[in-house]
Amino acid sequence: RVVDVFIQELSKATTENPVGRGRHPTYYRF
């Protein structure tokens, strides 16, 4: 399912993760 979340920031992409990781994601709504 699709979920909306709030994130504080997105880390830089790496070889292992080409998108980056969201810091402290918090659930908002589905």
mmCIF file of all heavy atoms, coordinates in Angstrom:
data_MODEL
# 
_entry.id   MODEL 
# 
loop_
_atom_site.group_PDB 
_atom_site.id 
_atom_site.type_symbol 
_atom_site.label_atom_id 
_atom_site.label_alt_id 
_atom_site.label_comp_id 
_atom_site.label_asym_id 
_atom_site.label_entity_id 
_atom_site.label_seq_id 
_atom_site.pdbx_PDB_ins_code 
_atom_site.Cartn_x 
_atom_site.Cartn_y 
_atom_site.Cartn_z 
_atom_site.occupancy 
_atom_site.B_iso_or_equiv 
_atom_site.pdbx_formal_charge 
_atom_site.auth_seq_id 
_atom_site.auth_comp_id 
_atom_site.auth_asym_id 
_atom_site.auth_atom_id 
_atom_site.pdbx_PDB_model_num 
ATOM 1   N N   . ARG A 1 1  ? 0.834  -1.202 0.000  1.00 0.00 ? 1  ARG A N   1 
ATOM 2   C CA  . ARG A 1 1  ? 0.000  0.000  0.000  1.00 0.00 ? 1  ARG A CA  1 
ATOM 3   C C   . ARG A 1 1  ? 0.872  1.257  0.000  1.00 0.00 ? 1  ARG A C   1 
ATOM 4   O O   . ARG A 1 1  ? 2.029  1.243  0.432  1.00 0.00 ? 1  ARG A O   1 
ATOM 5   C CB  . ARG A 1 1  ? -0.915 0.031  1.230  1.00 0.00 ? 1  ARG A CB  1 
ATOM 6   C CG  . ARG A 1 1  ? -2.073 -0.932 1.155  1.00 0.00 ? 1  ARG A CG  1 
ATOM 7   C CD  . ARG A 1 1  ? -2.999 -0.767 2.351  1.00 0.00 ? 1  ARG A CD  1 
ATOM 8   N NE  . ARG A 1 1  ? -3.691 0.532  2.365  1.00 0.00 ? 1  ARG A NE  1 
ATOM 9   C CZ  . ARG A 1 1  ? -4.562 0.889  3.302  1.00 0.00 ? 1  ARG A CZ  1 
ATOM 10  N NH1 . ARG A 1 1  ? -4.829 0.050  4.310  1.00 0.00 ? 1  ARG A NH1 1 
ATOM 11  N NH2 . ARG A 1 1  ? -5.155 2.067  3.257  1.00 0.00 ? 1  ARG A NH2 1 
ATOM 12  N N   . VAL A 1 2  ? 0.285  2.332  -0.461 1.00 0.00 ? 2  VAL A N   1 
ATOM 13  C CA  . VAL A 1 2  ? 0.981  3.615  -0.461 1.00 0.00 ? 2  VAL A CA  1 
ATOM 14  C C   . VAL A 1 2  ? 0.729  4.319  0.871  1.00 0.00 ? 2  VAL A C   1 
ATOM 15  O O   . VAL A 1 2  ? -0.406 4.345  1.367  1.00 0.00 ? 2  VAL A O   1 
ATOM 16  C CB  . VAL A 1 2  ? 0.506  4.504  -1.626 1.00 0.00 ? 2  VAL A CB  1 
ATOM 17  C CG1 . VAL A 1 2  ? 1.155  5.891  -1.551 1.00 0.00 ? 2  VAL A CG1 1 
ATOM 18  C CG2 . VAL A 1 2  ? 0.818  3.839  -2.961 1.00 0.00 ? 2  VAL A CG2 1 
ATOM 19  N N   . VAL A 1 3  ? 1.780  4.855  1.440  1.00 0.00 ? 3  VAL A N   1 
ATOM 20  C CA  . VAL A 1 3  ? 1.681  5.551  2.715  1.00 0.00 ? 3  VAL A CA  1 
ATOM 21  C C   . VAL A 1 3  ? 2.420  6.885  2.632  1.00 0.00 ? 3  VAL A C   1 
ATOM 22  O O   . VAL A 1 3  ? 3.501  6.964  2.040  1.00 0.00 ? 3  VAL A O   1 
ATOM 23  C CB  . VAL A 1 3  ? 2.245  4.687  3.867  1.00 0.00 ? 3  VAL A CB  1 
ATOM 24  C CG1 . VAL A 1 3  ? 3.720  4.368  3.631  1.00 0.00 ? 3  VAL A CG1 1 
ATOM 25  C CG2 . VAL A 1 3  ? 2.059  5.362  5.222  1.00 0.00 ? 3  VAL A CG2 1 
ATOM 26  N N   . ASP A 1 4  ? 1.810  7.915  3.173  1.00 0.00 ? 4  ASP A N   1 
ATOM 27  C CA  . ASP A 1 4  ? 2.476  9.218  3.271  1.00 0.00 ? 4  ASP A CA  1 
ATOM 28  C C   . ASP A 1 4  ? 3.207  9.290  4.605  1.00 0.00 ? 4  ASP A C   1 
ATOM 29  O O   . ASP A 1 4  ? 2.653  8.923  5.649  1.00 0.00 ? 4  ASP A O   1 
ATOM 30  C CB  . ASP A 1 4  ? 1.463  10.360 3.205  1.00 0.00 ? 4  ASP A CB  1 
ATOM 31  C CG  . ASP A 1 4  ? 1.053  10.698 1.792  1.00 0.00 ? 4  ASP A CG  1 
ATOM 32  O OD1 . ASP A 1 4  ? 1.588  10.078 0.854  1.00 0.00 ? 4  ASP A OD1 1 
ATOM 33  O OD2 . ASP A 1 4  ? 0.179  11.565 1.612  1.00 0.00 ? 4  ASP A OD2 1 
ATOM 34  N N   . VAL A 1 5  ? 4.444  9.764  4.571  1.00 0.00 ? 5  VAL A N   1 
ATOM 35  C CA  . VAL A 1 5  ? 5.234  9.917  5.792  1.00 0.00 ? 5  VAL A CA  1 
ATOM 36  C C   . VAL A 1 5  ? 5.916  11.284 5.778  1.00 0.00 ? 5  VAL A C   1 
ATOM 37  O O   . VAL A 1 5  ? 6.080  11.904 4.722  1.00 0.00 ? 5  VAL A O   1 
ATOM 38  C CB  . VAL A 1 5  ? 6.308  8.811  5.935  1.00 0.00 ? 5  VAL A CB  1 
ATOM 39  C CG1 . VAL A 1 5  ? 5.667  7.436  6.033  1.00 0.00 ? 5  VAL A CG1 1 
ATOM 40  C CG2 . VAL A 1 5  ? 7.307  8.860  4.784  1.00 0.00 ? 5  VAL A CG2 1 
ATOM 41  N N   . PHE A 1 6  ? 6.301  11.743 6.966  1.00 0.00 ? 6  PHE A N   1 
ATOM 42  C CA  . PHE A 1 6  ? 7.144  12.930 7.091  1.00 0.00 ? 6  PHE A CA  1 
ATOM 43  C C   . PHE A 1 6  ? 8.570  12.458 7.336  1.00 0.00 ? 6  PHE A C   1 
ATOM 44  O O   . PHE A 1 6  ? 8.794  11.564 8.150  1.00 0.00 ? 6  PHE A O   1 
ATOM 45  C CB  . PHE A 1 6  ? 6.706  13.803 8.261  1.00 0.00 ? 6  PHE A CB  1 
ATOM 46  C CG  . PHE A 1 6  ? 5.346  14.412 8.090  1.00 0.00 ? 6  PHE A CG  1 
ATOM 47  C CD1 . PHE A 1 6  ? 4.336  14.147 9.000  1.00 0.00 ? 6  PHE A CD1 1 
ATOM 48  C CD2 . PHE A 1 6  ? 5.078  15.270 7.034  1.00 0.00 ? 6  PHE A CD2 1 
ATOM 49  C CE1 . PHE A 1 6  ? 3.081  14.709 8.860  1.00 0.00 ? 6  PHE A CE1 1 
ATOM 50  C CE2 . PHE A 1 6  ? 3.824  15.833 6.876  1.00 0.00 ? 6  PHE A CE2 1 
ATOM 51  C CZ  . PHE A 1 6  ? 2.821  15.549 7.793  1.00 0.00 ? 6  PHE A CZ  1 
ATOM 52  N N   . ILE A 1 7  ? 9.531  13.035 6.643  1.00 0.00 ? 7  ILE A N   1 
ATOM 53  C CA  . ILE A 1 7  ? 10.931 12.742 6.909  1.00 0.00 ? 7  ILE A CA  1 
ATOM 54  C C   . ILE A 1 7  ? 11.660 14.044 7.173  1.00 0.00 ? 7  ILE A C   1 
ATOM 55  O O   . ILE A 1 7  ? 11.315 15.090 6.629  1.00 0.00 ? 7  ILE A O   1 
ATOM 56  C CB  . ILE A 1 7  ? 11.609 11.975 5.747  1.00 0.00 ? 7  ILE A CB  1 
ATOM 57  C CG1 . ILE A 1 7  ? 11.597 12.802 4.462  1.00 0.00 ? 7  ILE A CG1 1 
ATOM 58  C CG2 . ILE A 1 7  ? 10.963 10.624 5.528  1.00 0.00 ? 7  ILE A CG2 1 
ATOM 59  C CD1 . ILE A 1 7  ? 12.402 12.169 3.345  1.00 0.00 ? 7  ILE A CD1 1 
ATOM 60  N N   . GLN A 1 8  ? 12.661 13.981 8.048  1.00 0.00 ? 8  GLN A N   1 
ATOM 61  C CA  . GLN A 1 8  ? 13.417 15.174 8.400  1.00 0.00 ? 8  GLN A CA  1 
ATOM 62  C C   . GLN A 1 8  ? 14.405 15.568 7.307  1.00 0.00 ? 8  GLN A C   1 
ATOM 63  O O   . GLN A 1 8  ? 14.613 16.732 7.029  1.00 0.00 ? 8  GLN A O   1 
ATOM 64  C CB  . GLN A 1 8  ? 14.163 14.935 9.720  1.00 0.00 ? 8  GLN A CB  1 
ATOM 65  C CG  . GLN A 1 8  ? 13.255 14.615 10.887 1.00 0.00 ? 8  GLN A CG  1 
ATOM 66  C CD  . GLN A 1 8  ? 12.302 15.756 11.201 1.00 0.00 ? 8  GLN A CD  1 
ATOM 67  O OE1 . GLN A 1 8  ? 12.731 16.853 11.527 1.00 0.00 ? 8  GLN A OE1 1 
ATOM 68  N NE2 . GLN A 1 8  ? 11.016 15.503 11.112 1.00 0.00 ? 8  GLN A NE2 1 
ATOM 69  N N   . GLU A 1 9  ? 14.999 14.555 6.685  1.00 0.00 ? 9  GLU A N   1 
ATOM 70  C CA  . GLU A 1 9  ? 15.938 14.790 5.597  1.00 0.00 ? 9  GLU A CA  1 
ATOM 71  C C   . GLU A 1 9  ? 16.213 13.467 4.910  1.00 0.00 ? 9  GLU A C   1 
ATOM 72  O O   . GLU A 1 9  ? 15.850 12.395 5.419  1.00 0.00 ? 9  GLU A O   1 
ATOM 73  C CB  . GLU A 1 9  ? 17.244 15.394 6.125  1.00 0.00 ? 9  GLU A CB  1 
ATOM 74  C CG  . GLU A 1 9  ? 17.981 14.517 7.114  1.00 0.00 ? 9  GLU A CG  1 
ATOM 75  C CD  . GLU A 1 9  ? 19.245 15.185 7.647  1.00 0.00 ? 9  GLU A CD  1 
ATOM 76  O OE1 . GLU A 1 9  ? 19.707 16.157 7.037  1.00 0.00 ? 9  GLU A OE1 1 
ATOM 77  O OE2 . GLU A 1 9  ? 19.760 14.720 8.659  1.00 0.00 ? 9  GLU A OE2 1 
ATOM 78  N N   . LEU A 1 10 ? 16.836 13.515 3.769  1.00 0.00 ? 10 LEU A N   1 
ATOM 79  C CA  . LEU A 1 10 ? 17.205 12.313 3.025  1.00 0.00 ? 10 LEU A CA  1 
ATOM 80  C C   . LEU A 1 10 ? 18.715 12.273 2.908  1.00 0.00 ? 10 LEU A C   1 
ATOM 81  O O   . LEU A 1 10 ? 19.347 13.235 2.473  1.00 0.00 ? 10 LEU A O   1 
ATOM 82  C CB  . LEU A 1 10 ? 16.567 12.340 1.626  1.00 0.00 ? 10 LEU A CB  1 
ATOM 83  C CG  . LEU A 1 10 ? 16.661 11.059 0.800  1.00 0.00 ? 10 LEU A CG  1 
ATOM 84  C CD1 . LEU A 1 10 ? 15.794 9.968  1.415  1.00 0.00 ? 10 LEU A CD1 1 
ATOM 85  C CD2 . LEU A 1 10 ? 16.213 11.325 -0.640 1.00 0.00 ? 10 LEU A CD2 1 
ATOM 86  N N   . SER A 1 11 ? 19.305 11.141 3.330  1.00 0.00 ? 11 SER A N   1 
ATOM 87  C CA  . SER A 1 11 ? 20.758 11.014 3.267  1.00 0.00 ? 11 SER A CA  1 
ATOM 88  C C   . SER A 1 11 ? 21.223 10.897 1.815  1.00 0.00 ? 11 SER A C   1 
ATOM 89  O O   . SER A 1 11 ? 20.429 10.647 0.903  1.00 0.00 ? 11 SER A O   1 
ATOM 90  C CB  . SER A 1 11 ? 21.212 9.791  4.060  1.00 0.00 ? 11 SER A CB  1 
ATOM 91  O OG  . SER A 1 11 ? 20.778 8.595  3.419  1.00 0.00 ? 11 SER A OG  1 
ATOM 92  N N   . LYS A 1 12 ? 22.518 11.065 1.619  1.00 0.00 ? 12 LYS A N   1 
ATOM 93  C CA  . LYS A 1 12 ? 23.074 10.955 0.275  1.00 0.00 ? 12 LYS A CA  1 
ATOM 94  C C   . LYS A 1 12 ? 23.018 9.511  -0.216 1.00 0.00 ? 12 LYS A C   1 
ATOM 95  O O   . LYS A 1 12 ? 23.119 8.571  0.564  1.00 0.00 ? 12 LYS A O   1 
ATOM 96  C CB  . LYS A 1 12 ? 24.525 11.442 0.268  1.00 0.00 ? 12 LYS A CB  1 
ATOM 97  C CG  . LYS A 1 12 ? 24.662 12.940 0.510  1.00 0.00 ? 12 LYS A CG  1 
ATOM 98  C CD  . LYS A 1 12 ? 26.119 13.370 0.420  1.00 0.00 ? 12 LYS A CD  1 
ATOM 99  C CE  . LYS A 1 12 ? 26.261 14.872 0.631  1.00 0.00 ? 12 LYS A CE  1 
ATOM 100 N NZ  . LYS A 1 12 ? 27.677 15.317 0.553  1.00 0.00 ? 12 LYS A NZ  1 
ATOM 101 N N   . ALA A 1 13 ? 22.831 9.354  -1.506 1.00 0.00 ? 13 ALA A N   1 
ATOM 102 C CA  . ALA A 1 13 ? 22.798 8.027  -2.110 1.00 0.00 ? 13 ALA A CA  1 
ATOM 103 C C   . ALA A 1 13 ? 24.169 7.363  -2.005 1.00 0.00 ? 13 ALA A C   1 
ATOM 104 O O   . ALA A 1 13 ? 25.202 8.038  -1.991 1.00 0.00 ? 13 ALA A O   1 
ATOM 105 C CB  . ALA A 1 13 ? 22.376 8.135  -3.565 1.00 0.00 ? 13 ALA A CB  1 
ATOM 106 N N   . THR A 1 14 ? 24.171 6.043  -1.915 1.00 0.00 ? 14 THR A N   1 
ATOM 107 C CA  . THR A 1 14 ? 25.403 5.268  -1.860 1.00 0.00 ? 14 THR A CA  1 
ATOM 108 C C   . THR A 1 14 ? 25.327 4.145  -2.883 1.00 0.00 ? 14 THR A C   1 
ATOM 109 O O   . THR A 1 14 ? 24.290 3.932  -3.525 1.00 0.00 ? 14 THR A O   1 
ATOM 110 C CB  . THR A 1 14 ? 25.607 4.662  -0.459 1.00 0.00 ? 14 THR A CB  1 
ATOM 111 O OG1 . THR A 1 14 ? 24.534 3.740  -0.184 1.00 0.00 ? 14 THR A OG1 1 
ATOM 112 C CG2 . THR A 1 14 ? 25.623 5.749  0.610  1.00 0.00 ? 14 THR A CG2 1 
ATOM 113 N N   . THR A 1 15 ? 26.403 3.410  -3.008 1.00 0.00 ? 15 THR A N   1 
ATOM 114 C CA  . THR A 1 15 ? 26.395 2.265  -3.916 1.00 0.00 ? 15 THR A CA  1 
ATOM 115 C C   . THR A 1 15 ? 25.374 1.238  -3.458 1.00 0.00 ? 15 THR A C   1 
ATOM 116 O O   . THR A 1 15 ? 24.661 0.639  -4.267 1.00 0.00 ? 15 THR A O   1 
ATOM 117 C CB  . THR A 1 15 ? 27.790 1.620  -3.966 1.00 0.00 ? 15 THR A CB  1 
ATOM 118 O OG1 . THR A 1 15 ? 28.752 2.609  -4.366 1.00 0.00 ? 15 THR A OG1 1 
ATOM 119 C CG2 . THR A 1 15 ? 27.814 0.460  -4.953 1.00 0.00 ? 15 THR A CG2 1 
ATOM 120 N N   . GLU A 1 16 ? 25.307 1.038  -2.122 1.00 0.00 ? 16 GLU A N   1 
ATOM 121 C CA  . GLU A 1 16 ? 24.368 0.070  -1.573 1.00 0.00 ? 16 GLU A CA  1 
ATOM 122 C C   . GLU A 1 16 ? 22.925 0.559  -1.656 1.00 0.00 ? 16 GLU A C   1 
ATOM 123 O O   . GLU A 1 16 ? 22.003 -0.223 -1.812 1.00 0.00 ? 16 GLU A O   1 
ATOM 124 C CB  . GLU A 1 16 ? 24.708 -0.250 -0.111 1.00 0.00 ? 16 GLU A CB  1 
ATOM 125 C CG  . GLU A 1 16 ? 26.032 -0.963 0.100  1.00 0.00 ? 16 GLU A CG  1 
ATOM 126 C CD  . GLU A 1 16 ? 27.225 -0.031 -0.054 1.00 0.00 ? 16 GLU A CD  1 
ATOM 127 O OE1 . GLU A 1 16 ? 27.034 1.213  0.027  1.00 0.00 ? 16 GLU A OE1 1 
ATOM 128 O OE2 . GLU A 1 16 ? 28.339 -0.533 -0.273 1.00 0.00 ? 16 GLU A OE2 1 
ATOM 129 N N   . ASN A 1 17 ? 22.731 1.873  -1.510 1.00 0.00 ? 17 ASN A N   1 
ATOM 130 C CA  . ASN A 1 17 ? 21.393 2.451  -1.581 1.00 0.00 ? 17 ASN A CA  1 
ATOM 131 C C   . ASN A 1 17 ? 21.414 3.647  -2.530 1.00 0.00 ? 17 ASN A C   1 
ATOM 132 O O   . ASN A 1 17 ? 21.815 4.752  -2.152 1.00 0.00 ? 17 ASN A O   1 
ATOM 133 C CB  . ASN A 1 17 ? 20.918 2.896  -0.191 1.00 0.00 ? 17 ASN A CB  1 
ATOM 134 C CG  . ASN A 1 17 ? 19.444 3.276  -0.184 1.00 0.00 ? 17 ASN A CG  1 
ATOM 135 O OD1 . ASN A 1 17 ? 18.957 3.945  -1.089 1.00 0.00 ? 17 ASN A OD1 1 
ATOM 136 N ND2 . ASN A 1 17 ? 18.730 2.841  0.849  1.00 0.00 ? 17 ASN A ND2 1 
ATOM 137 N N   . PRO A 1 18 ? 21.011 3.449  -3.780 1.00 0.00 ? 18 PRO A N   1 
ATOM 138 C CA  . PRO A 1 18 ? 21.098 4.501  -4.796 1.00 0.00 ? 18 PRO A CA  1 
ATOM 139 C C   . PRO A 1 18 ? 20.102 5.643  -4.613 1.00 0.00 ? 18 PRO A C   1 
ATOM 140 O O   . PRO A 1 18 ? 20.150 6.619  -5.363 1.00 0.00 ? 18 PRO A O   1 
ATOM 141 C CB  . PRO A 1 18 ? 20.811 3.739  -6.093 1.00 0.00 ? 18 PRO A CB  1 
ATOM 142 C CG  . PRO A 1 18 ? 19.958 2.591  -5.666 1.00 0.00 ? 18 PRO A CG  1 
ATOM 143 C CD  . PRO A 1 18 ? 20.466 2.190  -4.316 1.00 0.00 ? 18 PRO A CD  1 
ATOM 144 N N   . VAL A 1 19 ? 19.209 5.540  -3.623 1.00 0.00 ? 19 VAL A N   1 
ATOM 145 C CA  . VAL A 1 19 ? 18.224 6.598  -3.381 1.00 0.00 ? 19 VAL A CA  1 
ATOM 146 C C   . VAL A 1 19 ? 18.595 7.431  -2.169 1.00 0.00 ? 19 VAL A C   1 
ATOM 147 O O   . VAL A 1 19 ? 18.499 8.660  -2.173 1.00 0.00 ? 19 VAL A O   1 
ATOM 148 C CB  . VAL A 1 19 ? 16.805 5.994  -3.186 1.00 0.00 ? 19 VAL A CB  1 
ATOM 149 C CG1 . VAL A 1 19 ? 15.803 7.105  -2.882 1.00 0.00 ? 19 VAL A CG1 1 
ATOM 150 C CG2 . VAL A 1 19 ? 16.374 5.225  -4.428 1.00 0.00 ? 19 VAL A CG2 1 
ATOM 151 N N   . GLY A 1 20 ? 19.062 6.783  -1.110 1.00 0.00 ? 20 GLY A N   1 
ATOM 152 C CA  . GLY A 1 20 ? 19.312 7.441  0.164  1.00 0.00 ? 20 GLY A CA  1 
ATOM 153 C C   . GLY A 1 20 ? 18.298 6.963  1.191  1.00 0.00 ? 20 GLY A C   1 
ATOM 154 O O   . GLY A 1 20 ? 17.350 6.253  0.850  1.00 0.00 ? 20 GLY A O   1 
ATOM 155 N N   . ARG A 1 21 ? 18.495 7.344  2.444  1.00 0.00 ? 21 ARG A N   1 
ATOM 156 C CA  . ARG A 1 21 ? 17.576 6.919  3.489  1.00 0.00 ? 21 ARG A CA  1 
ATOM 157 C C   . ARG A 1 21 ? 16.982 8.131  4.195  1.00 0.00 ? 21 ARG A C   1 
ATOM 158 O O   . ARG A 1 21 ? 17.673 9.118  4.469  1.00 0.00 ? 21 ARG A O   1 
ATOM 159 C CB  . ARG A 1 21 ? 18.280 6.021  4.515  1.00 0.00 ? 21 ARG A CB  1 
ATOM 160 C CG  . ARG A 1 21 ? 18.772 4.707  3.920  1.00 0.00 ? 21 ARG A CG  1 
ATOM 161 C CD  . ARG A 1 21 ? 19.281 3.770  4.993  1.00 0.00 ? 21 ARG A CD  1 
ATOM 162 N NE  . ARG A 1 21 ? 18.236 3.288  5.882  1.00 0.00 ? 21 ARG A NE  1 
ATOM 163 C CZ  . ARG A 1 21 ? 17.414 2.274  5.575  1.00 0.00 ? 21 ARG A CZ  1 
ATOM 164 N NH1 . ARG A 1 21 ? 17.504 1.671  4.402  1.00 0.00 ? 21 ARG A NH1 1 
ATOM 165 N NH2 . ARG A 1 21 ? 16.507 1.892  6.442  1.00 0.00 ? 21 ARG A NH2 1 
ATOM 166 N N   . GLY A 1 22 ? 15.687 8.027  4.489  1.00 0.00 ? 22 GLY A N   1 
ATOM 167 C CA  . GLY A 1 22 ? 14.996 9.095  5.194  1.00 0.00 ? 22 GLY A CA  1 
ATOM 168 C C   . GLY A 1 22 ? 15.289 9.027  6.685  1.00 0.00 ? 22 GLY A C   1 
ATOM 169 O O   . GLY A 1 22 ? 15.231 7.948  7.276  1.00 0.00 ? 22 GLY A O   1 
ATOM 170 N N   . ARG A 1 23 ? 15.610 10.173 7.301  1.00 0.00 ? 23 ARG A N   1 
ATOM 171 C CA  . ARG A 1 23 ? 15.886 10.203 8.739  1.00 0.00 ? 23 ARG A CA  1 
ATOM 172 C C   . ARG A 1 23 ? 14.597 10.468 9.507  1.00 0.00 ? 23 ARG A C   1 
ATOM 173 O O   . ARG A 1 23 ? 13.854 11.380 9.217  1.00 0.00 ? 23 ARG A O   1 
ATOM 174 C CB  . ARG A 1 23 ? 16.922 11.276 9.074  1.00 0.00 ? 23 ARG A CB  1 
ATOM 175 C CG  . ARG A 1 23 ? 18.265 11.023 8.410  1.00 0.00 ? 23 ARG A CG  1 
ATOM 176 C CD  . ARG A 1 23 ? 19.383 11.820 9.059  1.00 0.00 ? 23 ARG A CD  1 
ATOM 177 N NE  . ARG A 1 23 ? 19.752 11.283 10.366 1.00 0.00 ? 23 ARG A NE  1 
ATOM 178 C CZ  . ARG A 1 23 ? 19.621 11.950 11.510 1.00 0.00 ? 23 ARG A CZ  1 
ATOM 179 N NH1 . ARG A 1 23 ? 19.103 13.151 11.521 1.00 0.00 ? 23 ARG A NH1 1 
ATOM 180 N NH2 . ARG A 1 23 ? 20.003 11.400 12.639 1.00 0.00 ? 23 ARG A NH2 1 
ATOM 181 N N   . HIS A 1 24 ? 14.349 9.596  10.484 1.00 0.00 ? 24 HIS A N   1 
ATOM 182 C CA  . HIS A 1 24 ? 13.185 9.691  11.362 1.00 0.00 ? 24 HIS A CA  1 
ATOM 183 C C   . HIS A 1 24 ? 11.867 9.822  10.597 1.00 0.00 ? 24 HIS A C   1 
ATOM 184 O O   . HIS A 1 24 ? 11.094 10.766 10.813 1.00 0.00 ? 24 HIS A O   1 
ATOM 185 C CB  . HIS A 1 24 ? 13.341 10.868 12.325 1.00 0.00 ? 24 HIS A CB  1 
ATOM 186 C CG  . HIS A 1 24 ? 14.527 10.751 13.222 1.00 0.00 ? 24 HIS A CG  1 
ATOM 187 N ND1 . HIS A 1 24 ? 14.621 9.796  14.200 1.00 0.00 ? 24 HIS A ND1 1 
ATOM 188 C CD2 . HIS A 1 24 ? 15.681 11.450 13.257 1.00 0.00 ? 24 HIS A CD2 1 
ATOM 189 C CE1 . HIS A 1 24 ? 15.777 9.921  14.819 1.00 0.00 ? 24 HIS A CE1 1 
ATOM 190 N NE2 . HIS A 1 24 ? 16.447 10.910 14.259 1.00 0.00 ? 24 HIS A NE2 1 
ATOM 191 N N   . PRO A 1 25 ? 11.572 8.868  9.705  1.00 0.00 ? 25 PRO A N   1 
ATOM 192 C CA  . PRO A 1 25 ? 10.266 8.908  9.035  1.00 0.00 ? 25 PRO A CA  1 
ATOM 193 C C   . PRO A 1 25 ? 9.149  8.683  10.060 1.00 0.00 ? 25 PRO A C   1 
ATOM 194 O O   . PRO A 1 25 ? 9.275  7.854  10.959 1.00 0.00 ? 25 PRO A O   1 
ATOM 195 C CB  . PRO A 1 25 ? 10.336 7.725  8.051  1.00 0.00 ? 25 PRO A CB  1 
ATOM 196 C CG  . PRO A 1 25 ? 11.781 7.358  7.959  1.00 0.00 ? 25 PRO A CG  1 
ATOM 197 C CD  . PRO A 1 25 ? 12.373 7.707  9.287  1.00 0.00 ? 25 PRO A CD  1 
ATOM 198 N N   . THR A 1 26 ? 8.080  9.431  9.949  1.00 0.00 ? 26 THR A N   1 
ATOM 199 C CA  . THR A 1 26 ? 6.930  9.255  10.834 1.00 0.00 ? 26 THR A CA  1 
ATOM 200 C C   . THR A 1 26 ? 5.665  9.114  9.989  1.00 0.00 ? 26 THR A C   1 
ATOM 201 O O   . THR A 1 26 ? 5.453  9.862  9.028  1.00 0.00 ? 26 THR A O   1 
ATOM 202 C CB  . THR A 1 26 ? 6.766  10.442 11.796 1.00 0.00 ? 26 THR A CB  1 
ATOM 203 O OG1 . THR A 1 26 ? 6.645  11.645 11.053 1.00 0.00 ? 26 THR A OG1 1 
ATOM 204 C CG2 . THR A 1 26 ? 7.964  10.551 12.718 1.00 0.00 ? 26 THR A CG2 1 
ATOM 205 N N   . TYR A 1 27 ? 4.850  8.149  10.377 1.00 0.00 ? 27 TYR A N   1 
ATOM 206 C CA  . TYR A 1 27 ? 3.612  7.858  9.658  1.00 0.00 ? 27 TYR A CA  1 
ATOM 207 C C   . TYR A 1 27 ? 2.669  9.054  9.664  1.00 0.00 ? 27 TYR A C   1 
ATOM 208 O O   . TYR A 1 27 ? 2.487  9.720  10.683 1.00 0.00 ? 27 TYR A O   1 
ATOM 209 C CB  . TYR A 1 27 ? 2.937  6.649  10.312 1.00 0.00 ? 27 TYR A CB  1 
ATOM 210 C CG  . TYR A 1 27 ? 1.487  6.463  9.936  1.00 0.00 ? 27 TYR A CG  1 
ATOM 211 C CD1 . TYR A 1 27 ? 1.127  5.888  8.716  1.00 0.00 ? 27 TYR A CD1 1 
ATOM 212 C CD2 . TYR A 1 27 ? 0.468  6.867  10.806 1.00 0.00 ? 27 TYR A CD2 1 
ATOM 213 C CE1 . TYR A 1 27 ? -0.209 5.725  8.374  1.00 0.00 ? 27 TYR A CE1 1 
ATOM 214 C CE2 . TYR A 1 27 ? -0.862 6.706  10.477 1.00 0.00 ? 27 TYR A CE2 1 
ATOM 215 C CZ  . TYR A 1 27 ? -1.199 6.137  9.252  1.00 0.00 ? 27 TYR A CZ  1 
ATOM 216 O OH  . TYR A 1 27 ? -2.524 5.984  8.922  1.00 0.00 ? 27 TYR A OH  1 
ATOM 217 N N   . TYR A 1 28 ? 2.061  9.318  8.511  1.00 0.00 ? 28 TYR A N   1 
ATOM 218 C CA  . TYR A 1 28 ? 1.064  10.384 8.401  1.00 0.00 ? 28 TYR A CA  1 
ATOM 219 C C   . TYR A 1 28 ? -0.307 9.801  8.054  1.00 0.00 ? 28 TYR A C   1 
ATOM 220 O O   . TYR A 1 28 ? -1.264 9.961  8.798  1.00 0.00 ? 28 TYR A O   1 
ATOM 221 C CB  . TYR A 1 28 ? 1.516  11.401 7.359  1.00 0.00 ? 28 TYR A CB  1 
ATOM 222 C CG  . TYR A 1 28 ? 0.536  12.516 7.090  1.00 0.00 ? 28 TYR A CG  1 
ATOM 223 C CD1 . TYR A 1 28 ? -0.283 13.025 8.097  1.00 0.00 ? 28 TYR A CD1 1 
ATOM 224 C CD2 . TYR A 1 28 ? 0.437  13.096 5.823  1.00 0.00 ? 28 TYR A CD2 1 
ATOM 225 C CE1 . TYR A 1 28 ? -1.180 14.048 7.849  1.00 0.00 ? 28 TYR A CE1 1 
ATOM 226 C CE2 . TYR A 1 28 ? -0.449 14.129 5.572  1.00 0.00 ? 28 TYR A CE2 1 
ATOM 227 C CZ  . TYR A 1 28 ? -1.258 14.596 6.586  1.00 0.00 ? 28 TYR A CZ  1 
ATOM 228 O OH  . TYR A 1 28 ? -2.140 15.615 6.337  1.00 0.00 ? 28 TYR A OH  1 
ATOM 229 N N   . ARG A 1 29 ? -0.383 9.046  6.926  1.00 0.00 ? 29 ARG A N   1 
ATOM 230 C CA  . ARG A 1 29 ? -1.664 8.475  6.508  1.00 0.00 ? 29 ARG A CA  1 
ATOM 231 C C   . ARG A 1 29 ? -1.432 7.484  5.375  1.00 0.00 ? 29 ARG A C   1 
ATOM 232 O O   . ARG A 1 29 ? -0.422 7.557  4.668  1.00 0.00 ? 29 ARG A O   1 
ATOM 233 C CB  . ARG A 1 29 ? -2.597 9.584  6.010  1.00 0.00 ? 29 ARG A CB  1 
ATOM 234 C CG  . ARG A 1 29 ? -2.013 10.359 4.830  1.00 0.00 ? 29 ARG A CG  1 
ATOM 235 C CD  . ARG A 1 29 ? -2.886 11.526 4.441  1.00 0.00 ? 29 ARG A CD  1 
ATOM 236 N NE  . ARG A 1 29 ? -2.235 12.308 3.364  1.00 0.00 ? 29 ARG A NE  1 
ATOM 237 C CZ  . ARG A 1 29 ? -2.768 13.389 2.805  1.00 0.00 ? 29 ARG A CZ  1 
ATOM 238 N NH1 . ARG A 1 29 ? -3.950 13.828 3.210  1.00 0.00 ? 29 ARG A NH1 1 
ATOM 239 N NH2 . ARG A 1 29 ? -2.112 14.042 1.852  1.00 0.00 ? 29 ARG A NH2 1 
ATOM 240 N N   . PHE A 1 30 ? -2.356 6.568  5.207  1.00 0.00 ? 30 PHE A N   1 
ATOM 241 C CA  . PHE A 1 30 ? -2.324 5.671  4.064  1.00 0.00 ? 30 PHE A CA  1 
ATOM 242 C C   . PHE A 1 30 ? -3.093 6.309  2.918  1.00 0.00 ? 30 PHE A C   1 
ATOM 243 O O   . PHE A 1 30 ? -4.067 7.046  3.125  1.00 0.00 ? 30 PHE A O   1 
ATOM 244 C CB  . PHE A 1 30 ? -2.937 4.314  4.424  1.00 0.00 ? 30 PHE A CB  1 
ATOM 245 C CG  . PHE A 1 30 ? -2.048 3.464  5.285  1.00 0.00 ? 30 PHE A CG  1 
ATOM 246 C CD1 . PHE A 1 30 ? -2.302 3.324  6.634  1.00 0.00 ? 30 PHE A CD1 1 
ATOM 247 C CD2 . PHE A 1 30 ? -0.943 2.820  4.746  1.00 0.00 ? 30 PHE A CD2 1 
ATOM 248 C CE1 . PHE A 1 30 ? -1.469 2.563  7.443  1.00 0.00 ? 30 PHE A CE1 1 
ATOM 249 C CE2 . PHE A 1 30 ? -0.104 2.052  5.543  1.00 0.00 ? 30 PHE A CE2 1 
ATOM 250 C CZ  . PHE A 1 30 ? -0.372 1.927  6.892  1.00 0.00 ? 30 PHE A CZ  1 
# 
